[in-house]
Every structure is written in C-alpha cells, then in structure tokens.
Amino acid sequence: MTATDIFKQSLSFYGRLFNKIFWISLASTLVPVIFLSGADSAEPALIPLMIVAALAMFLSVYMMAFIHQFSDSQDDSLSAAFKLALNKVMPVMLTSFVFGSVVMLAVLPGAILGTMLAASINDEILRNSLMAICIAIPVTIVMYRCFFAPYFTLVDGLNPIEALKASNQQVKGNKLIFRSLTLLLSLIHI
C-alpha cells in the first residue's frame, strides 16, 4: 500500500464520519434558531425553551453516541447511534445537570473571596476584573476536572456522582495532555 492509498483511505474514513457529524451538529445549531424565531415576543415562554433545550441535549447525546459507536465498533450507522442516544439521553441529561450544579457551587467561594478582595477597590474595571478572575478560577478547575462525566455516563452507564469521580480520575492521570489542551484553549480565547 502506498502513501497515496493510505491518504485516500484516510480521506474516505474522515469524510464518512465528518459528513454525518456535520449534519447532526448543524441540526443541533439550527433547531433553536428555527424553533424560537417564530416566537411572538422577544422573551419566549418556558415550555418552548424547555423543548429546545431537550432537543439540543438529545442531539448532543446523539453525536456523542455516534462517535463512541464508531470508535468502538467501526459502525457508522446513524440508526444504531439513534437507539443508543434514546436509551442514554436521560442519564446523560441528569449527569449534565449534576455537573452544572457542581459548577454553580464552585462559583460561591470565588464570589465570596472576590467580594472580600474587591471591597476596598474604587476603580470599577479593576474591581470587576478581580471578581471575574476569582470566580473563573474555581469554575475552570471544576469544569476541567469533570469534563468527561457525560461521556462516562454514556459509555459506562455510571450514575452522575460516579461519572464525575471517573472524569476527575481520568484527568488526574493525564495532566500533561489536559493542561496543554487548557493552555491551547485559553490562548485561542485571548
């Protein structure tokens, strides 16, 4: 097999996956826009927002299920991934809710510390910047450590607490890779 053959095979492989993931991602992006564009007021009602959030979450789980299914068994069937997503959407949503709650709990110590440190600062920009940094640090640490929790729920069937612990252990074991990724992402946002 020549290098050209390997390159063609790689393009075929990634093209097969990329097209399907692209369309699922596009649907996930367009559903809220289309659904909420027909709202009569500037502030849509709670029920349409809940429907959009549930549909967007399902599409995210569907994409994760498809990628996992392909990486596990080389199966690029969207219908098999759809069945897996239907079975796992509620546990993944619960894990995501717990993950979000833990992130919100991480805001509290940062907000308290930021308020105490910024109380004597008169410059509004400096005060707000200090508050933002004090809140961002614990939130970033929690998000960094628990990022893979929904994936552990999808793949291993772990409950939310077990999934958060497994994600934390996964990140602890791969510090160099994850710190490099975090550094890269932070440089992109600067």
Foldseek 3Di string as FASTA:
>chain_A
DDPVVVVVVVCVLCVLLVVVLVVLVVCLVCVVVVQCVPAPDPDHDPVSVVVNVLVSLLSVQLSLLQVVVCVPPVDNDSVVSNVLSVVQSVQLVQLVVVLVVVLVVLQVVLQVVLCVVLVPPDDPVVSVVSSCVSRVVSSVVSCLQLVCLSVCCSPVVDGNVVSSVVSNVVCVVPVVVSVVVVVVVVVVVD
